[in-house]
Amino acid sequence: MSFWEELSALPGGQNVKSCIQCGTCTGACPNASEMDYPPRKLIALLRAGMQDEVLSSNSMWYCASCYLCTVRCPRGIKPTDLMHALECLAIRHGVATKRTGIPVMYQAFVDNVKDNGRVHELSFMLRYYLRDAKSYLPTRTSPLKPFTAFKLLGMMPIGWGLLLRGRMPLKARKIRGSKDLKAIVEKAESMGGAS
């Protein structure tokens, strides 16, 4: 299956070729200045066949899902859905940017929900910060890196306060039906969905 077929099969990837490059999406995007390629340029790169550059960029991970671009597009293209489709393709192809930890956070979140049926904040944060380079995607969150260790130390007072007030339990509580939820997520993953 070609990259275009993969992209077209995902919601948001169908109408990319009808983009007129007006720039309305980029003008509406609150995070365009943080992205390697803002929405208009991202679509231009996709149409030029530069999928490696697109998938290794931080652009789709910085999408705020505000849908301003989608609402304002004169051609009915859904850039927000396109960003999520590109996230799925980046995960499927094992491509990630090391300038953001968002893909690692997504995977830690899904793993936590699969285990408990809900998010247990303490184990979620531990998974996020302790994930190593052998895991799902390359990470910049290793606790052995000075920046991450500093961030963890800075968050300790907040975590301690939450623990003292009973707002963050030490032990995860599974919801009723957590095994069923795990089976649903695993089935979706086996059908080609990205977690």
Foldseek 3Di string as FASTA:
>chain_A
DDPLVLQCVFPLSVCLVVAPLPCQLQVQFPCNVVWPHGQSRLSVCVVVVVLLVNLATCHLVPGPLPQSSQVPRPVNRRSVSSSVSSLLVSLVVQHYYAVDLSVLLVVLLVVQCLVAVHHQPVSSVVSSQCPDCVDSHHYPRDCVDPVNVVVVVVCVVVVVVCVVVVNHDPDGHHDPCSNVVNVVVVVCVVVSGDD
